[in-house]
N, C-alpha and C. Protein backbone atom coordinates (compact mmCIF):
# COMPACT_ATOMS: atom_id res chain seq x y z
N MET A 1 -5.32 1.90 -15.46
CA MET A 1 -5.75 0.94 -14.54
C MET A 1 -6.79 -0.25 -15.41
N THR A 2 -6.47 -1.13 -14.83
CA THR A 2 -7.86 -2.34 -15.44
C THR A 2 -9.45 -2.01 -14.64
N THR A 3 -10.39 -2.29 -15.12
CA THR A 3 -11.48 -1.88 -14.44
C THR A 3 -11.53 -2.79 -13.14
N PRO A 4 -12.25 -1.52 -12.28
CA PRO A 4 -12.45 -2.01 -11.03
C PRO A 4 -13.23 -3.08 -10.63
N ILE A 5 -13.15 -4.10 -9.77
CA ILE A 5 -13.93 -5.16 -9.16
C ILE A 5 -14.55 -4.68 -7.47
N VAL A 6 -15.67 -4.97 -7.58
CA VAL A 6 -16.47 -5.22 -6.26
C VAL A 6 -16.62 -6.55 -5.91
N HIS A 7 -16.12 -6.90 -4.69
CA HIS A 7 -16.11 -8.69 -4.37
C HIS A 7 -16.90 -8.25 -3.01
N VAL A 8 -17.96 -9.36 -3.16
CA VAL A 8 -18.96 -9.45 -2.02
C VAL A 8 -19.38 -10.51 -1.56
N VAL A 9 -18.60 -10.53 -0.30
CA VAL A 9 -18.89 -11.70 0.38
C VAL A 9 -20.22 -11.66 1.47
N ASP A 10 -21.14 -12.79 1.08
CA ASP A 10 -22.31 -12.57 2.44
C ASP A 10 -22.86 -14.14 2.12
N ASP A 11 -23.27 -14.81 3.55
CA ASP A 11 -23.98 -16.14 3.05
C ASP A 11 -25.29 -16.18 2.87
N ASP A 12 -25.94 -14.79 2.87
CA ASP A 12 -27.28 -14.88 2.30
C ASP A 12 -27.24 -14.64 0.79
N PRO A 13 -27.87 -15.48 0.04
CA PRO A 13 -27.78 -15.45 -1.38
C PRO A 13 -28.87 -14.58 -1.92
N ARG A 14 -29.90 -14.07 -0.83
CA ARG A 14 -30.44 -12.92 -1.48
C ARG A 14 -30.08 -11.76 -1.41
N ILE A 15 -29.40 -11.33 -0.35
CA ILE A 15 -28.37 -10.41 -0.34
C ILE A 15 -27.28 -9.87 -1.46
N LEU A 16 -26.55 -11.43 -1.98
CA LEU A 16 -25.70 -11.17 -3.04
C LEU A 16 -26.39 -10.97 -4.16
N ARG A 17 -27.55 -11.34 -4.19
CA ARG A 17 -28.46 -11.28 -5.64
C ARG A 17 -28.66 -9.65 -5.75
N ALA A 18 -29.09 -9.20 -4.71
CA ALA A 18 -29.74 -7.85 -4.81
C ALA A 18 -28.49 -6.93 -5.00
N ILE A 19 -27.56 -7.06 -4.06
CA ILE A 19 -26.03 -6.30 -4.35
C ILE A 19 -25.58 -6.20 -5.58
N THR A 20 -25.49 -7.73 -5.85
CA THR A 20 -24.83 -7.57 -7.44
C THR A 20 -25.91 -6.99 -8.49
N ARG A 21 -26.91 -6.77 -8.51
CA ARG A 21 -28.18 -6.50 -9.69
C ARG A 21 -27.67 -4.99 -9.25
N PHE A 22 -27.63 -4.56 -8.29
CA PHE A 22 -27.50 -3.09 -8.16
C PHE A 22 -26.24 -2.29 -8.62
N LEU A 23 -25.29 -2.97 -8.38
CA LEU A 23 -23.89 -2.51 -8.51
C LEU A 23 -23.67 -2.78 -9.78
N ARG A 24 -24.00 -3.77 -10.53
CA ARG A 24 -24.22 -3.99 -12.08
C ARG A 24 -24.67 -3.08 -13.11
N SER A 25 -25.86 -2.45 -12.28
CA SER A 25 -26.69 -1.45 -12.92
C SER A 25 -26.10 -0.06 -13.06
N TYR A 26 -24.84 -0.01 -12.62
CA TYR A 26 -23.83 1.21 -12.35
C TYR A 26 -22.82 0.70 -13.18
N ASP A 27 -22.71 -0.02 -13.89
CA ASP A 27 -21.45 -0.96 -14.74
C ASP A 27 -20.16 -1.49 -13.93
N PHE A 28 -20.63 -1.83 -12.63
CA PHE A 28 -18.96 -2.17 -11.78
C PHE A 28 -19.22 -3.99 -11.99
N ARG A 29 -17.82 -4.31 -11.95
CA ARG A 29 -17.71 -5.64 -12.31
C ARG A 29 -17.82 -6.20 -10.71
N VAL A 30 -18.73 -6.99 -10.69
CA VAL A 30 -19.04 -7.74 -9.24
C VAL A 30 -18.96 -9.47 -9.20
N ARG A 31 -18.08 -9.69 -8.06
CA ARG A 31 -17.65 -11.36 -7.84
C ARG A 31 -18.22 -11.46 -6.65
N THR A 32 -19.12 -12.58 -6.57
CA THR A 32 -19.56 -12.86 -5.33
C THR A 32 -18.99 -14.24 -4.62
N TYR A 33 -19.27 -13.97 -3.36
CA TYR A 33 -18.65 -15.30 -2.79
C TYR A 33 -19.70 -15.46 -1.49
N ARG A 34 -20.21 -17.10 -1.08
CA ARG A 34 -20.95 -17.10 -0.13
C ARG A 34 -20.45 -17.42 1.14
N SER A 35 -19.05 -17.16 1.53
CA SER A 35 -18.31 -17.33 2.71
C SER A 35 -16.85 -16.57 2.55
N ALA A 36 -16.30 -16.38 3.62
CA ALA A 36 -15.06 -15.80 3.74
C ALA A 36 -14.35 -17.07 3.30
N ALA A 37 -14.21 -18.33 3.70
CA ALA A 37 -13.05 -19.17 2.97
C ALA A 37 -13.08 -19.06 1.64
N GLU A 38 -14.18 -19.07 0.86
CA GLU A 38 -14.38 -19.05 -0.57
C GLU A 38 -13.54 -17.62 -0.78
N PHE A 39 -13.92 -16.73 -0.14
CA PHE A 39 -12.97 -15.56 -0.91
C PHE A 39 -11.54 -15.77 -0.67
N LEU A 40 -11.29 -16.30 0.49
CA LEU A 40 -9.76 -16.34 0.82
C LEU A 40 -8.99 -17.26 -0.08
N ARG A 41 -9.90 -18.32 -1.00
CA ARG A 41 -9.41 -19.28 -2.09
C ARG A 41 -9.12 -18.36 -3.17
N GLN A 42 -9.63 -17.64 -3.36
CA GLN A 42 -9.47 -16.80 -4.89
C GLN A 42 -8.18 -16.31 -4.96
N GLN A 43 -7.93 -16.23 -6.29
CA GLN A 43 -6.67 -15.23 -6.68
C GLN A 43 -7.13 -13.86 -7.02
N MET A 44 -6.81 -13.20 -6.29
CA MET A 44 -7.02 -11.94 -6.43
C MET A 44 -6.42 -10.99 -7.72
N PRO A 45 -7.16 -10.70 -8.51
CA PRO A 45 -6.60 -10.30 -9.61
C PRO A 45 -6.09 -8.87 -9.51
N PRO A 46 -5.33 -8.24 -10.41
CA PRO A 46 -4.61 -7.19 -10.03
C PRO A 46 -5.62 -5.91 -10.47
N GLY A 47 -5.38 -4.65 -9.81
CA GLY A 47 -6.08 -3.79 -10.37
C GLY A 47 -7.05 -2.92 -9.07
N PRO A 48 -7.81 -1.81 -9.32
CA PRO A 48 -8.56 -1.25 -8.24
C PRO A 48 -9.53 -2.34 -7.79
N ALA A 49 -10.07 -2.56 -6.60
CA ALA A 49 -11.37 -2.86 -6.23
C ALA A 49 -11.45 -2.95 -4.79
N CYS A 50 -12.87 -3.60 -4.13
CA CYS A 50 -12.76 -3.30 -2.77
C CYS A 50 -13.78 -4.11 -2.31
N LEU A 51 -14.18 -4.38 -1.19
CA LEU A 51 -14.61 -5.60 -0.83
C LEU A 51 -16.05 -5.35 0.30
N VAL A 52 -17.09 -5.79 -0.03
CA VAL A 52 -18.47 -5.64 0.43
C VAL A 52 -18.39 -6.84 1.36
N LEU A 53 -18.25 -6.58 2.85
CA LEU A 53 -18.41 -7.99 3.72
C LEU A 53 -19.11 -7.50 4.74
N ASP A 54 -20.12 -8.95 4.50
CA ASP A 54 -21.02 -9.23 5.82
C ASP A 54 -20.19 -9.27 7.19
N LEU A 55 -20.72 -9.14 8.06
CA LEU A 55 -19.87 -9.05 9.48
C LEU A 55 -20.03 -10.27 9.86
N LYS A 56 -21.61 -10.86 9.95
CA LYS A 56 -21.99 -12.29 10.80
C LYS A 56 -22.16 -13.21 9.85
N MET A 57 -21.23 -14.38 9.98
CA MET A 57 -21.23 -15.31 8.86
C MET A 57 -20.73 -16.88 9.74
N PRO A 58 -21.30 -17.95 9.30
CA PRO A 58 -20.78 -18.90 9.98
C PRO A 58 -19.35 -19.28 9.40
N GLY A 59 -18.66 -19.76 10.35
CA GLY A 59 -17.17 -20.17 10.16
C GLY A 59 -16.43 -18.49 10.48
N ILE A 60 -15.57 -18.19 9.59
CA ILE A 60 -14.94 -16.99 9.44
C ILE A 60 -15.65 -15.90 9.12
N ASN A 61 -15.77 -14.95 10.36
CA ASN A 61 -16.76 -14.08 10.43
C ASN A 61 -15.58 -12.35 9.60
N GLY A 62 -16.74 -11.38 9.29
CA GLY A 62 -16.07 -10.64 8.45
C GLY A 62 -14.80 -10.10 9.14
N LEU A 63 -15.07 -9.51 10.73
CA LEU A 63 -13.87 -9.38 11.20
C LEU A 63 -12.55 -10.30 11.35
N GLN A 64 -12.59 -11.33 11.32
CA GLN A 64 -11.94 -12.28 10.96
C GLN A 64 -11.18 -12.30 9.48
N LEU A 65 -12.08 -12.17 8.72
CA LEU A 65 -11.56 -12.00 7.30
C LEU A 65 -10.84 -10.52 7.39
N GLN A 66 -11.00 -9.69 7.53
CA GLN A 66 -10.59 -8.06 7.78
C GLN A 66 -8.99 -8.61 8.51
N GLN A 67 -8.88 -9.59 9.63
CA GLN A 67 -7.42 -9.46 9.95
C GLN A 67 -6.62 -10.32 9.47
N ALA A 68 -7.34 -11.33 8.43
CA ALA A 68 -6.67 -12.06 8.01
C ALA A 68 -6.09 -11.77 6.34
N LEU A 69 -6.53 -10.58 6.20
CA LEU A 69 -6.32 -10.08 4.68
C LEU A 69 -4.95 -9.06 5.13
N ALA A 70 -5.16 -8.39 6.35
CA ALA A 70 -4.15 -7.57 7.08
C ALA A 70 -2.93 -8.60 7.15
N ARG A 71 -2.93 -9.80 7.77
CA ARG A 71 -1.59 -10.55 7.88
C ARG A 71 -1.32 -10.79 6.67
N LYS A 72 -1.85 -10.74 5.44
CA LYS A 72 -1.35 -11.26 4.23
C LYS A 72 -0.59 -10.38 3.38
N GLY A 73 -1.05 -9.01 4.07
CA GLY A 73 -0.92 -7.60 3.49
C GLY A 73 -1.53 -7.44 2.36
N LEU A 74 -2.45 -7.88 2.17
CA LEU A 74 -3.80 -7.32 0.99
C LEU A 74 -4.51 -6.28 1.41
N ASP A 75 -3.99 -5.42 0.50
CA ASP A 75 -4.89 -3.96 1.05
C ASP A 75 -5.88 -3.77 0.35
N ILE A 76 -6.90 -4.22 0.71
CA ILE A 76 -8.07 -4.02 -0.21
C ILE A 76 -9.28 -3.43 0.71
N PRO A 77 -9.96 -2.23 0.37
CA PRO A 77 -10.72 -1.58 1.26
C PRO A 77 -11.93 -2.38 1.65
N ILE A 78 -12.45 -1.73 2.46
CA ILE A 78 -13.60 -3.27 2.92
C ILE A 78 -14.91 -2.17 3.39
N ILE A 79 -16.03 -2.09 3.28
CA ILE A 79 -17.50 -1.88 3.64
C ILE A 79 -17.92 -3.05 4.14
N PHE A 80 -18.14 -2.80 5.46
CA PHE A 80 -19.06 -3.89 6.21
C PHE A 80 -20.45 -3.55 6.45
N VAL A 81 -21.22 -4.46 6.07
CA VAL A 81 -22.88 -4.69 5.92
C VAL A 81 -23.06 -5.55 7.31
N SER A 82 -23.86 -5.17 8.01
CA SER A 82 -24.49 -6.19 8.83
C SER A 82 -25.92 -5.88 9.82
N GLY A 83 -26.53 -6.60 10.10
CA GLY A 83 -28.12 -6.80 10.24
C GLY A 83 -28.05 -6.93 12.00
N LYS A 84 -26.64 -7.34 12.57
CA LYS A 84 -26.64 -7.37 13.91
C LYS A 84 -25.13 -6.67 14.03
N ALA A 85 -24.82 -5.63 15.02
CA ALA A 85 -24.04 -4.98 14.97
C ALA A 85 -23.74 -4.09 16.47
N ASP A 86 -23.03 -4.29 17.13
CA ASP A 86 -22.93 -3.43 18.36
C ASP A 86 -21.81 -2.42 18.15
N ILE A 87 -21.82 -1.40 19.10
CA ILE A 87 -21.21 -0.11 18.80
C ILE A 87 -19.27 -0.70 18.65
N GLU A 88 -18.99 -1.61 19.96
CA GLU A 88 -17.92 -1.94 20.12
C GLU A 88 -17.24 -2.84 18.69
N THR A 89 -17.95 -3.62 18.03
CA THR A 89 -17.54 -4.38 16.69
C THR A 89 -17.44 -3.26 15.69
N SER A 90 -18.56 -2.48 15.80
CA SER A 90 -18.43 -1.31 14.42
C SER A 90 -16.89 -0.62 14.76
N VAL A 91 -16.73 -0.32 15.99
CA VAL A 91 -15.57 0.52 15.98
C VAL A 91 -14.46 -0.30 15.94
N ARG A 92 -14.37 -1.51 16.01
CA ARG A 92 -12.87 -2.41 15.78
C ARG A 92 -12.99 -2.53 14.27
N ALA A 93 -13.93 -2.77 13.60
CA ALA A 93 -14.08 -2.76 12.04
C ALA A 93 -13.47 -1.57 11.98
N MET A 94 -13.78 -0.23 12.21
CA MET A 94 -13.18 1.17 11.34
C MET A 94 -11.74 1.31 12.03
N LYS A 95 -11.31 0.67 13.23
CA LYS A 95 -10.03 1.22 13.71
C LYS A 95 -9.00 -0.05 12.74
N GLY A 96 -9.49 -1.34 12.25
CA GLY A 96 -9.01 -1.89 11.68
C GLY A 96 -8.70 -1.45 9.52
N GLY A 97 -9.51 -0.23 9.61
CA GLY A 97 -9.17 0.25 8.18
C GLY A 97 -10.13 0.08 7.40
N ALA A 98 -11.70 -0.33 7.90
CA ALA A 98 -12.97 -0.15 6.95
C ALA A 98 -13.47 0.82 6.46
N VAL A 99 -13.66 1.20 5.15
CA VAL A 99 -14.25 2.24 5.11
C VAL A 99 -15.63 3.11 5.39
N ASP A 100 -16.47 1.92 5.49
CA ASP A 100 -17.75 2.25 6.04
C ASP A 100 -18.41 1.22 6.85
N PHE A 101 -19.37 1.27 7.60
CA PHE A 101 -20.03 0.48 8.20
C PHE A 101 -21.52 0.39 7.96
N LEU A 102 -22.30 -0.24 7.23
CA LEU A 102 -23.65 -0.09 7.00
C LEU A 102 -24.62 -1.04 7.59
N THR A 103 -25.60 -0.77 7.96
CA THR A 103 -26.41 -1.58 8.98
C THR A 103 -27.58 -1.92 7.69
N LYS A 104 -28.09 -3.13 8.22
CA LYS A 104 -28.94 -3.63 7.06
C LYS A 104 -30.00 -3.34 7.79
N PRO A 105 -31.63 -2.94 6.86
CA PRO A 105 -31.46 -2.93 5.87
C PRO A 105 -31.00 -1.34 5.36
N PHE A 106 -29.84 -1.25 4.37
CA PHE A 106 -29.41 0.29 4.40
C PHE A 106 -29.81 0.56 2.85
N ALA A 107 -29.59 1.72 2.91
CA ALA A 107 -30.05 2.59 1.76
C ALA A 107 -29.11 2.14 0.47
N TYR A 108 -29.69 1.98 -0.67
CA TYR A 108 -28.33 1.62 -1.73
C TYR A 108 -27.57 2.73 -2.29
N GLY A 109 -28.20 3.87 -2.00
CA GLY A 109 -27.21 5.06 -2.32
C GLY A 109 -26.27 5.17 -1.21
N GLU A 110 -26.52 4.84 0.02
CA GLU A 110 -25.42 4.51 0.89
C GLU A 110 -24.02 3.43 0.34
N LEU A 111 -24.46 2.44 0.14
CA LEU A 111 -23.73 2.00 -0.45
C LEU A 111 -23.07 1.68 -1.66
N LEU A 112 -23.46 3.03 -2.59
CA LEU A 112 -23.19 3.12 -3.95
C LEU A 112 -21.90 4.30 -3.43
N ALA A 113 -22.25 5.13 -2.48
CA ALA A 113 -21.19 6.36 -1.97
C ALA A 113 -19.84 5.63 -1.36
N ALA A 114 -20.06 4.60 -0.70
CA ALA A 114 -19.38 3.83 0.20
C ALA A 114 -18.21 2.96 -1.01
N VAL A 115 -18.93 2.86 -2.05
CA VAL A 115 -18.22 1.69 -2.89
C VAL A 115 -17.34 2.76 -3.84
N GLN A 116 -17.83 3.58 -4.10
CA GLN A 116 -17.13 4.66 -4.98
C GLN A 116 -15.96 5.37 -3.88
N VAL A 117 -16.24 5.68 -2.70
CA VAL A 117 -14.72 5.87 -1.75
C VAL A 117 -14.37 5.06 -1.62
N ALA A 118 -14.44 3.77 -1.76
CA ALA A 118 -13.44 2.56 -1.74
C ALA A 118 -12.64 2.39 -2.42
N LEU A 119 -13.19 2.41 -4.09
CA LEU A 119 -12.39 2.41 -5.16
C LEU A 119 -11.54 3.58 -5.43
N ALA A 120 -12.00 4.53 -4.93
CA ALA A 120 -11.17 5.81 -5.19
C ALA A 120 -9.93 5.59 -4.37
N ARG A 121 -9.89 4.81 -2.90
CA ARG A 121 -8.75 4.75 -1.90
C ARG A 121 -8.25 3.66 -2.71
N SER A 122 -8.51 2.35 -3.14
CA SER A 122 -7.88 1.33 -3.95
C SER A 122 -6.99 2.33 -5.07
N ARG A 123 -7.50 3.04 -5.82
CA ARG A 123 -6.69 3.65 -7.12
C ARG A 123 -5.53 4.27 -6.60
N THR A 124 -5.94 5.13 -5.29
CA THR A 124 -4.42 5.74 -4.89
C THR A 124 -3.56 5.02 -4.02
N SER A 125 -3.89 3.92 -3.58
CA SER A 125 -2.95 3.17 -3.02
C SER A 125 -2.28 2.28 -4.00
N ILE A 126 -2.86 2.04 -5.22
CA ILE A 126 -2.07 1.03 -6.09
C ILE A 126 -1.21 2.39 -6.69
N THR A 127 -1.53 3.40 -7.25
CA THR A 127 -0.92 4.86 -7.70
C THR A 127 0.35 4.68 -6.90
N GLU A 128 0.36 4.73 -5.53
CA GLU A 128 1.23 5.31 -4.51
C GLU A 128 2.13 3.98 -4.43
N HIS A 129 1.93 2.75 -4.39
CA HIS A 129 2.75 1.54 -4.14
C HIS A 129 3.16 1.54 -5.44
N ASP A 130 2.87 1.77 -6.85
CA ASP A 130 3.49 1.65 -7.87
C ASP A 130 4.85 2.58 -7.98
N ALA A 131 4.61 3.87 -7.45
CA ALA A 131 5.54 5.15 -7.09
C ALA A 131 6.67 4.45 -6.23
N LEU A 132 6.23 3.71 -5.56
CA LEU A 132 7.20 3.20 -4.22
C LEU A 132 8.04 2.26 -5.14
N ASN A 133 7.39 1.39 -5.75
CA ASN A 133 8.17 0.17 -6.43
C ASN A 133 9.14 1.00 -7.34
N ARG A 134 8.91 2.03 -8.30
CA ARG A 134 9.69 2.80 -8.98
C ARG A 134 11.26 3.45 -8.41
N ASP A 135 10.51 4.10 -6.93
CA ASP A 135 11.73 4.62 -6.19
C ASP A 135 12.71 3.52 -5.80
N ARG A 136 12.32 2.37 -5.22
CA ARG A 136 13.13 1.11 -4.97
C ARG A 136 13.82 0.58 -6.08
N GLU A 137 13.02 0.38 -7.16
CA GLU A 137 14.02 0.08 -8.39
C GLU A 137 15.19 1.13 -8.57
N ALA A 138 14.62 2.25 -8.66
CA ALA A 138 15.71 2.93 -8.86
C ALA A 138 16.93 3.02 -8.10
N PHE A 139 16.74 3.08 -6.71
CA PHE A 139 17.59 2.89 -5.73
C PHE A 139 18.37 1.39 -5.89
N GLU A 140 17.89 0.71 -6.01
CA GLU A 140 18.30 -0.48 -5.84
C GLU A 140 19.58 -0.33 -7.58
N LYS A 141 19.26 0.32 -8.07
CA LYS A 141 20.41 0.65 -9.22
C LYS A 141 21.86 1.02 -8.75
N LEU A 142 21.66 1.73 -7.70
CA LEU A 142 22.94 2.44 -7.61
C LEU A 142 23.72 1.53 -7.03
N THR A 143 25.13 1.44 -7.15
CA THR A 143 26.31 0.73 -6.69
C THR A 143 26.03 1.14 -4.96
N PRO A 144 26.88 -0.25 -4.10
CA PRO A 144 26.86 -0.17 -3.02
C PRO A 144 27.29 1.43 -2.74
N ARG A 145 28.69 1.66 -2.99
CA ARG A 145 29.22 3.12 -2.42
C ARG A 145 28.02 4.28 -2.67
N GLU A 146 27.21 4.22 -3.91
CA GLU A 146 26.52 5.42 -4.34
C GLU A 146 25.13 5.23 -3.30
N ARG A 147 24.64 4.10 -2.87
CA ARG A 147 23.55 3.79 -1.77
C ARG A 147 24.36 4.70 -0.62
N GLN A 148 25.50 4.36 -0.02
CA GLN A 148 26.12 4.82 1.10
C GLN A 148 26.34 6.29 1.20
N VAL A 149 26.45 7.13 -0.30
CA VAL A 149 26.22 8.44 -0.31
C VAL A 149 25.40 8.97 -0.45
N CYS A 150 24.15 8.30 -1.01
CA CYS A 150 22.72 8.85 -1.04
C CYS A 150 22.47 8.89 0.00
N ILE A 151 22.17 7.75 1.14
CA ILE A 151 21.82 7.75 2.40
C ILE A 151 22.45 9.32 3.22
N ARG A 152 23.71 9.20 3.11
CA ARG A 152 24.35 10.31 3.71
C ARG A 152 23.85 11.90 3.16
N ILE A 153 23.54 12.10 2.04
CA ILE A 153 23.66 13.34 1.61
C ILE A 153 21.87 13.71 1.74
N ALA A 154 21.27 12.47 2.28
CA ALA A 154 19.68 12.40 2.58
C ALA A 154 19.75 12.70 3.57
N GLN A 155 20.62 12.79 4.71
CA GLN A 155 20.68 13.11 5.88
C GLN A 155 20.94 14.49 6.09
N GLY A 156 21.40 15.48 5.23
CA GLY A 156 21.95 16.48 5.14
C GLY A 156 23.62 16.66 5.38
N LEU A 157 24.27 15.74 5.23
CA LEU A 157 25.76 15.86 5.36
C LEU A 157 26.37 16.62 4.06
N LEU A 158 27.40 17.28 4.55
CA LEU A 158 28.20 17.57 3.30
C LEU A 158 28.97 17.12 2.76
N ASN A 159 29.52 17.27 1.13
CA ASN A 159 30.46 15.98 0.71
C ASN A 159 31.41 16.25 1.58
N LYS A 160 32.26 16.82 2.20
CA LYS A 160 33.54 16.49 3.04
C LYS A 160 33.05 16.15 3.78
N GLN A 161 32.07 16.21 4.84
CA GLN A 161 31.40 14.95 5.80
C GLN A 161 31.43 13.97 5.38
N VAL A 162 30.93 13.31 4.24
CA VAL A 162 30.71 12.10 3.77
C VAL A 162 31.93 11.67 3.34
N GLY A 163 32.49 12.23 2.96
CA GLY A 163 34.25 11.78 2.49
C GLY A 163 34.90 11.31 3.34
N PHE A 164 34.82 11.84 5.05
CA PHE A 164 35.56 11.67 6.04
C PHE A 164 34.70 10.22 6.61
N GLU A 165 33.37 10.28 6.48
CA GLU A 165 32.87 8.83 7.12
C GLU A 165 33.05 7.72 6.32
N LEU A 166 33.14 7.86 4.76
CA LEU A 166 33.53 6.60 4.14
C LEU A 166 34.77 6.68 3.74
N GLY A 167 35.79 7.54 4.18
CA GLY A 167 37.36 7.30 4.14
C GLY A 167 37.97 7.56 2.11
N THR A 168 37.27 8.66 1.90
CA THR A 168 37.40 9.08 0.67
C THR A 168 37.54 10.55 0.53
N THR A 169 37.68 10.90 -0.66
CA THR A 169 37.96 12.26 -0.74
C THR A 169 36.36 13.26 -0.88
N GLU A 170 36.69 14.39 -0.46
CA GLU A 170 35.32 15.26 -1.04
C GLU A 170 35.27 15.32 -2.59
N LYS A 171 36.21 15.18 -3.56
CA LYS A 171 36.00 15.79 -4.85
C LYS A 171 35.70 14.30 -5.31
N THR A 172 35.88 12.82 -4.80
CA THR A 172 35.41 11.79 -5.10
C THR A 172 33.67 11.71 -4.76
N ILE A 173 33.33 11.97 -3.77
CA ILE A 173 31.95 12.17 -3.38
C ILE A 173 31.24 13.57 -3.99
N LYS A 174 31.68 14.08 -4.72
CA LYS A 174 30.89 15.17 -5.11
C LYS A 174 30.73 14.81 -6.68
N VAL A 175 31.50 13.69 -7.21
CA VAL A 175 31.29 12.99 -8.60
C VAL A 175 30.13 11.60 -8.19
N GLN A 176 30.52 11.21 -6.74
CA GLN A 176 29.41 10.01 -6.62
C GLN A 176 27.86 10.64 -6.16
N ARG A 177 28.12 11.89 -5.53
CA ARG A 177 26.85 12.42 -5.65
C ARG A 177 25.88 12.78 -6.82
N ALA A 178 27.16 13.35 -7.73
CA ALA A 178 26.19 13.64 -9.13
C ALA A 178 25.67 12.42 -9.81
N HIS A 179 26.43 11.15 -9.42
CA HIS A 179 26.08 10.10 -10.51
C HIS A 179 24.47 9.63 -9.42
N VAL A 180 24.28 9.83 -7.95
CA VAL A 180 23.36 9.40 -7.25
C VAL A 180 22.31 10.15 -7.97
N ILE A 181 22.35 11.42 -7.98
CA ILE A 181 20.94 12.45 -8.50
C ILE A 181 20.58 11.76 -9.69
N ALA A 182 21.55 11.97 -10.91
CA ALA A 182 21.14 11.18 -12.27
C ALA A 182 20.77 9.59 -12.16
N LYS A 183 21.39 8.96 -11.48
CA LYS A 183 20.34 7.57 -11.53
C LYS A 183 19.32 7.85 -11.26
N LEU A 184 18.90 8.27 -9.95
CA LEU A 184 17.27 8.83 -9.64
C LEU A 184 16.44 8.99 -10.30
N GLY A 185 17.06 9.66 -11.30
CA GLY A 185 16.09 10.73 -11.68
C GLY A 185 15.53 12.10 -11.39
N ALA A 186 16.59 12.37 -10.33
CA ALA A 186 16.09 13.70 -9.49
C ALA A 186 16.53 14.73 -9.97
N LYS A 187 15.81 15.96 -9.85
CA LYS A 187 16.06 17.18 -10.37
C LYS A 187 16.91 18.18 -9.24
N SER A 188 16.93 17.59 -8.18
CA SER A 188 17.77 18.24 -7.23
C SER A 188 17.78 17.38 -5.92
N LEU A 189 18.79 18.00 -4.77
CA LEU A 189 18.84 17.24 -3.70
C LEU A 189 17.74 16.85 -2.63
N ALA A 190 16.51 18.15 -2.99
CA ALA A 190 15.22 17.67 -2.43
C ALA A 190 14.56 16.68 -2.81
N ASP A 191 14.80 16.31 -3.99
CA ASP A 191 14.06 14.98 -4.59
C ASP A 191 14.55 13.77 -3.92
N VAL A 192 15.97 13.72 -3.52
CA VAL A 192 16.59 12.42 -3.47
C VAL A 192 16.41 12.39 -1.89
N VAL A 193 16.26 13.48 -1.23
CA VAL A 193 15.89 13.41 0.38
C VAL A 193 14.34 12.95 0.59
N ARG A 194 13.66 13.13 -0.51
CA ARG A 194 11.89 12.88 -0.28
C ARG A 194 12.29 11.36 -0.64
N LEU A 195 12.73 10.77 -1.92
CA LEU A 195 12.57 9.56 -2.60
C LEU A 195 12.96 8.78 -1.10
N VAL A 196 14.14 8.98 -0.56
CA VAL A 196 14.69 8.00 0.83
C VAL A 196 13.68 8.12 1.61
N GLU A 197 13.01 9.03 1.85
CA GLU A 197 12.23 9.28 2.99
C GLU A 197 10.71 8.65 2.97
N ARG A 198 10.69 8.29 1.51
CA ARG A 198 9.43 7.80 1.17
C ARG A 198 9.83 6.09 1.08
N LEU A 199 10.81 5.80 0.74
CA LEU A 199 11.48 4.44 1.04
C LEU A 199 11.58 3.92 2.36
N ARG A 200 12.00 4.80 3.31
CA ARG A 200 12.05 4.56 4.85
C ARG A 200 10.99 4.44 5.45
N GLY A 201 9.85 5.44 5.34
CA GLY A 201 8.85 5.40 5.71
C GLY A 201 8.02 4.28 5.27
N ALA A 202 8.21 3.62 4.28
CA ALA A 202 7.22 2.38 3.58
C ALA A 202 8.37 0.89 3.86
N GLY A 203 8.94 1.04 4.67
CA GLY A 203 10.19 -0.12 4.84
C GLY A 203 10.53 -0.52 4.08
N MET A 204 10.98 0.03 2.75
CA MET A 204 11.36 -0.49 1.93
C MET A 204 13.11 0.13 1.42
N LEU A 205 13.34 0.49 2.21
CA LEU A 205 15.09 0.60 1.98
C LEU A 205 15.87 0.02 2.43
N PRO A 206 16.58 -0.80 1.30
CA PRO A 206 17.36 -2.05 1.31
C PRO A 206 18.51 -1.78 2.42
N PRO A 207 18.89 -2.86 2.76
CA PRO A 207 20.40 -2.70 3.66
C PRO A 207 21.49 -2.00 3.20
N ILE A 208 22.17 -1.21 4.01
CA ILE A 208 22.92 -0.22 3.34
C ILE A 208 24.52 -0.87 4.01
N ALA A 209 25.35 -1.09 3.13
CA ALA A 209 26.64 -1.74 3.66
C ALA A 209 27.44 -0.50 4.44
N SER A 210 28.56 -1.19 5.33
CA SER A 210 28.49 -0.41 6.38
C SER A 210 29.92 0.40 5.91
N ALA A 211 30.02 1.56 6.31
CA ALA A 211 31.36 2.41 5.80
C ALA A 211 32.33 1.66 6.39
N PRO A 212 33.88 2.17 5.51
CA PRO A 212 35.14 1.20 5.81
C PRO A 212 35.59 1.75 7.33
N THR A 213 36.24 0.70 7.82
CA THR A 213 36.87 1.20 9.08
C THR A 213 38.33 1.36 9.14
N GLY A 214 39.09 2.14 10.05
CA GLY A 214 40.38 2.08 10.08
C GLY A 214 40.91 3.31 9.59
N GLY A 215 39.74 4.09 9.00
CA GLY A 215 40.21 5.54 8.52
C GLY A 215 40.99 5.28 7.18
N SER A 216 40.95 4.30 6.38
CA SER A 216 41.65 4.10 4.92
C SER A 216 40.91 5.09 4.09
N ARG A 217 41.96 5.58 3.20
CA ARG A 217 41.03 6.64 2.10
C ARG A 217 41.28 6.16 0.86
N ALA A 218 40.19 5.91 0.11
CA ALA A 218 39.81 5.35 -1.11
C ALA A 218 39.52 6.21 -2.27
N SER A 219 40.33 6.46 -3.28
CA SER A 219 39.83 7.55 -4.23
C SER A 219 38.64 6.65 -5.12
């Protein structure tokens, strides 16, 4: 993976300088922004990252930026910092997925610990996303019929049951099942089941063509 980046958004230049100096003393790459709007205009580079985000700012505030990133599907762990925060606001931030909520003036040891947790979460998320993409790419290499077979065997259907549903023979399904397992790089049926469930859980399972109607049997 590329070197992680800590993005810091705060309208107070003194806070930006202090956080930047501290994090760079631990060899973190740091990018700073004076507003949420400035951060949103930037192209996010690939790789692990986290966001140290001031809650109260002119224009777009911290919670609004958190919501905007969620709408964009940008998965970047957030550490909120604020000198003026109530319990309701901090709860909303944490429910929105924030890693931590630090009250100014905070101890820099707390910030360091929160950044380390956030970057670890980012690395894990990237690893899982890359694995899901590999699963999806492998699934999409299956033929339409093999996808139909894959979904049904993942549901626990026997070869003869799949053959009946798809209007073909048990022998044909057995061959197609072997192709599915080989193309997916699976070692067992359990691996196929887990792959399908991962794709389904992530909403990445491509549409599957319907089974034939009319009871026709194809070899």
